[in-house]
């Protein structure tokens, strides 16, 4: 997912209908961010926080 967001292809690829008729929805400025894995937060020793 990161690469298609970085290359600005996510909106075009993810705002479409699937082969089984399901409509996918992607919003720029909202769906680019993913949660930081808890393990990475723990390993950072307090340097990383999730808001």
N, C-alpha and C. Protein backbone atom coordinates (compact mmCIF):
# COMPACT_ATOMS: atom_id res chain seq x y z
N UNK A 1 0.82 -1.18 0.00
CA UNK A 1 0.00 0.00 0.00
C UNK A 1 0.87 1.24 0.00
N UNK A 2 1.98 1.22 0.73
CA UNK A 2 2.82 2.41 0.83
C UNK A 2 3.28 2.90 -0.54
N UNK A 3 3.69 1.99 -1.40
CA UNK A 3 4.20 2.41 -2.71
C UNK A 3 3.14 3.06 -3.57
N UNK A 4 1.93 2.52 -3.59
CA UNK A 4 0.91 3.14 -4.44
C UNK A 4 0.48 4.50 -3.89
N UNK A 5 0.58 4.70 -2.58
CA UNK A 5 0.31 6.02 -2.00
C UNK A 5 1.44 6.97 -2.37
N UNK A 6 2.67 6.50 -2.22
CA UNK A 6 3.83 7.34 -2.52
C UNK A 6 3.87 7.76 -3.98
N UNK A 7 3.42 6.90 -4.86
CA UNK A 7 3.42 7.20 -6.30
C UNK A 7 2.14 7.86 -6.76
N UNK A 8 1.26 8.23 -5.82
CA UNK A 8 -0.02 8.88 -6.12
C UNK A 8 -0.92 8.04 -7.02
N UNK A 9 -0.86 6.74 -6.86
CA UNK A 9 -1.71 5.83 -7.65
C UNK A 9 -2.86 5.26 -6.82
N UNK A 10 -2.84 5.46 -5.51
CA UNK A 10 -3.82 4.84 -4.62
C UNK A 10 -5.25 5.26 -4.95
N UNK A 11 -5.46 6.54 -5.19
CA UNK A 11 -6.82 7.01 -5.47
C UNK A 11 -7.39 6.33 -6.71
N UNK A 12 -6.60 6.25 -7.76
CA UNK A 12 -7.08 5.63 -8.99
C UNK A 12 -7.29 4.13 -8.85
N UNK A 13 -6.40 3.47 -8.13
CA UNK A 13 -6.47 2.01 -8.00
C UNK A 13 -7.51 1.55 -6.98
N UNK A 14 -7.69 2.33 -5.93
CA UNK A 14 -8.54 1.88 -4.83
C UNK A 14 -9.94 2.48 -4.84
N UNK A 15 -10.21 3.43 -5.69
CA UNK A 15 -11.56 3.97 -5.83
C UNK A 15 -12.23 3.33 -7.03
N UNK A 16 -12.52 2.07 -6.91
CA UNK A 16 -13.09 1.34 -8.04
C UNK A 16 -13.94 0.20 -7.52
N UNK A 17 -14.63 -0.43 -8.42
CA UNK A 17 -15.46 -1.58 -8.08
C UNK A 17 -14.65 -2.86 -8.27
N UNK A 18 -14.79 -3.79 -7.34
CA UNK A 18 -14.09 -5.07 -7.45
C UNK A 18 -14.84 -5.98 -8.42
N UNK A 19 -14.25 -7.11 -8.74
CA UNK A 19 -14.88 -8.04 -9.68
C UNK A 19 -16.17 -8.63 -9.14
N UNK A 20 -16.33 -8.67 -7.81
CA UNK A 20 -17.57 -9.20 -7.24
C UNK A 20 -18.60 -8.11 -6.94
N UNK A 21 -18.35 -6.89 -7.42
CA UNK A 21 -19.33 -5.81 -7.28
C UNK A 21 -19.18 -4.94 -6.06
N UNK A 22 -18.19 -5.18 -5.23
CA UNK A 22 -17.97 -4.38 -4.03
C UNK A 22 -17.31 -3.06 -4.41
N UNK A 23 -17.84 -1.95 -3.92
CA UNK A 23 -17.28 -0.63 -4.23
C UNK A 23 -16.29 -0.23 -3.15
N UNK A 24 -15.04 -0.05 -3.54
CA UNK A 24 -14.00 0.37 -2.61
C UNK A 24 -13.99 1.88 -2.52
N UNK A 25 -13.63 2.40 -1.37
CA UNK A 25 -13.59 3.84 -1.17
C UNK A 25 -12.23 4.25 -0.60
N UNK A 26 -11.62 5.23 -1.20
CA UNK A 26 -10.32 5.74 -0.76
C UNK A 26 -10.39 7.25 -0.77
N UNK A 27 -10.02 7.88 0.35
CA UNK A 27 -10.04 9.33 0.45
C UNK A 27 -8.62 9.85 0.63
N UNK A 28 -8.24 10.77 -0.24
CA UNK A 28 -6.93 11.40 -0.09
C UNK A 28 -6.91 12.21 1.19
N UNK A 29 -5.77 12.20 1.88
CA UNK A 29 -5.63 12.94 3.12
C UNK A 29 -6.16 12.21 4.34
N UNK A 30 -6.84 11.10 4.13
CA UNK A 30 -7.39 10.34 5.25
C UNK A 30 -6.82 8.93 5.31
N UNK A 31 -6.77 8.25 4.18
CA UNK A 31 -6.40 6.84 4.15
C UNK A 31 -4.91 6.59 3.93
N UNK A 32 -4.10 7.64 3.89
CA UNK A 32 -2.67 7.43 3.69
C UNK A 32 -1.96 6.94 4.95
N UNK A 33 -2.54 7.20 6.08
CA UNK A 33 -1.86 6.92 7.34
C UNK A 33 -2.28 5.57 7.91
N UNK A 34 -1.31 4.82 8.37
CA UNK A 34 -1.53 3.51 8.96
C UNK A 34 -1.01 3.55 10.40
N UNK A 35 -1.60 2.76 11.30
CA UNK A 35 -1.11 2.76 12.68
C UNK A 35 0.30 2.19 12.78
N UNK A 36 1.04 2.70 13.75
CA UNK A 36 2.39 2.19 14.01
C UNK A 36 2.23 0.89 14.80
N UNK A 37 2.90 -0.18 14.38
CA UNK A 37 2.78 -1.44 15.13
C UNK A 37 3.24 -1.28 16.58
N UNK A 38 2.48 -1.86 17.50
CA UNK A 38 2.79 -1.74 18.92
C UNK A 38 4.20 -2.22 19.23
N UNK A 39 4.66 -3.24 18.55
CA UNK A 39 6.02 -3.76 18.79
C UNK A 39 7.06 -2.68 18.50
N UNK A 40 6.87 -1.90 17.44
CA UNK A 40 7.82 -0.84 17.12
C UNK A 40 7.79 0.27 18.16
N UNK A 41 6.61 0.57 18.67
CA UNK A 41 6.50 1.57 19.73
C UNK A 41 7.24 1.09 20.97
N UNK A 42 7.05 -0.18 21.32
CA UNK A 42 7.71 -0.75 22.50
C UNK A 42 9.23 -0.76 22.34
N UNK A 43 9.71 -1.13 21.14
CA UNK A 43 11.15 -1.20 20.89
C UNK A 43 11.80 0.18 20.83
N UNK A 44 11.03 1.23 20.61
CA UNK A 44 11.61 2.57 20.49
C UNK A 44 12.02 3.16 21.83
N UNK A 45 11.63 2.52 22.92
CA UNK A 45 12.02 3.02 24.24
C UNK A 45 11.37 4.36 24.57
N UNK A 46 10.20 4.60 24.06
CA UNK A 46 9.49 5.85 24.36
C UNK A 46 9.72 6.96 23.35
N UNK A 47 10.51 6.72 22.34
CA UNK A 47 10.78 7.75 21.33
C UNK A 47 9.67 7.91 20.31
N UNK A 48 8.84 6.88 20.15
CA UNK A 48 7.73 6.93 19.20
C UNK A 48 6.42 6.90 19.98
N UNK A 49 5.51 7.80 19.61
CA UNK A 49 4.17 7.81 20.22
C UNK A 49 3.14 7.76 19.12
N UNK A 50 2.05 7.11 19.42
CA UNK A 50 0.93 7.07 18.47
C UNK A 50 -0.14 8.02 18.97
N UNK A 51 -0.61 8.88 18.10
CA UNK A 51 -1.64 9.86 18.48
C UNK A 51 -2.98 9.44 17.99
